[in-house]
Amino acid sequence: MFRASINGCGGPLSYSAANHRWSRYCAAAGVDIDINQLRHSYADGAR
């Protein structure tokens, strides 16, 4: 879902960076969904 280009090395994306990007995407879409709610929504549907 997220590429790690922000750290310049192509390594793993930190939680902080992913959360920052997710917050910007949600603000642009006009929704208020926390990144942890996204994770839980997948876990709830995977049962």
C-alpha atoms as a PDB file:
ATOM      1  CA  MET A   1       0.000   0.000   0.000  1.00  0.00           C
ATOM      2  CA  PHE A   2       2.857   2.385   0.778  1.00  0.00           C
ATOM      3  CA  ARG A   3       6.273   2.640  -0.844  1.00  0.00           C
ATOM      4  CA  ALA A   4       9.303   3.492   1.254  1.00  0.00           C
ATOM      5  CA  SER A   5      10.640   6.133  -1.106  1.00  0.00           C
ATOM      6  CA  ILE A   6      10.469   8.751   1.658  1.00  0.00           C
ATOM      7  CA  ASN A   7      13.512   7.321   3.457  1.00  0.00           C
ATOM      8  CA  GLY A   8      15.617   7.346   0.291  1.00  0.00           C
ATOM      9  CA  CYS A   9      16.913   3.797   0.793  1.00  0.00           C
ATOM     10  CA  GLY A  10      13.902   1.774  -0.284  1.00  0.00           C
ATOM     11  CA  GLY A  11      13.894   0.047   3.104  1.00  0.00           C
ATOM     12  CA  PRO A  12      10.898  -0.666   5.315  1.00  0.00           C
ATOM     13  CA  LEU A  13       8.513   2.233   5.833  1.00  0.00           C
ATOM     14  CA  SER A  14       8.268   3.253   9.469  1.00  0.00           C
ATOM     15  CA  TYR A  15       4.940   3.291  11.290  1.00  0.00           C
ATOM     16  CA  SER A  16       5.277   7.044  11.697  1.00  0.00           C
ATOM     17  CA  ALA A  17       5.744   7.615   7.964  1.00  0.00           C
ATOM     18  CA  ALA A  18       2.865   5.281   7.049  1.00  0.00           C
ATOM     19  CA  ASN A  19       0.603   6.951   9.612  1.00  0.00           C
ATOM     20  CA  HIS A  20       1.502  10.405   8.292  1.00  0.00           C
ATOM     21  CA  ARG A  21       0.683   9.390   4.712  1.00  0.00           C
ATOM     22  CA  TRP A  22      -2.548   7.677   5.760  1.00  0.00           C
ATOM     23  CA  SER A  23      -3.641  10.810   7.655  1.00  0.00           C
ATOM     24  CA  ARG A  24      -3.055  12.948   4.553  1.00  0.00           C
ATOM     25  CA  TYR A  25      -4.985  10.537   2.324  1.00  0.00           C
ATOM     26  CA  CYS A  26      -7.935  10.498   4.734  1.00  0.00           C
ATOM     27  CA  ALA A  27      -7.963  14.291   5.047  1.00  0.00           C
ATOM     28  CA  ALA A  28      -8.001  14.623   1.249  1.00  0.00           C
ATOM     29  CA  ALA A  29     -10.887  12.135   1.039  1.00  0.00           C
ATOM     30  CA  GLY A  30     -12.788  13.829   3.866  1.00  0.00           C
ATOM     31  CA  VAL A  31     -12.904  10.720   6.076  1.00  0.00           C
ATOM     32  CA  ASP A  32     -11.738  10.156   9.630  1.00  0.00           C
ATOM     33  CA  ILE A  33     -10.316   6.628   9.766  1.00  0.00           C
ATOM     34  CA  ASP A  34      -7.330   5.808  11.947  1.00  0.00           C
ATOM     35  CA  ILE A  35      -4.659   3.540  10.451  1.00  0.00           C
ATOM     36  CA  ASN A  36      -5.312   1.028  13.246  1.00  0.00           C
ATOM     37  CA  GLN A  37      -9.006   0.951  12.308  1.00  0.00           C
ATOM     38  CA  LEU A  38      -7.896  -0.011   8.805  1.00  0.00           C
ATOM     39  CA  ARG A  39      -5.850  -2.904  10.206  1.00  0.00           C
ATOM     40  CA  HIS A  40      -8.718  -4.075  12.413  1.00  0.00           C
ATOM     41  CA  SER A  41     -11.225  -3.876   9.569  1.00  0.00           C
ATOM     42  CA  TYR A  42      -9.125  -6.400   7.644  1.00  0.00           C
ATOM     43  CA  ALA A  43      -8.742  -8.661  10.689  1.00  0.00           C
ATOM     44  CA  ASP A  44     -12.491  -8.567  11.334  1.00  0.00           C
ATOM     45  CA  GLY A  45     -13.282  -9.476   7.733  1.00  0.00           C
ATOM     46  CA  ALA A  46     -10.677 -12.251   7.536  1.00  0.00           C
ATOM     47  CA  ARG A  47     -12.410 -14.484  10.063  1.00  0.00           C
END
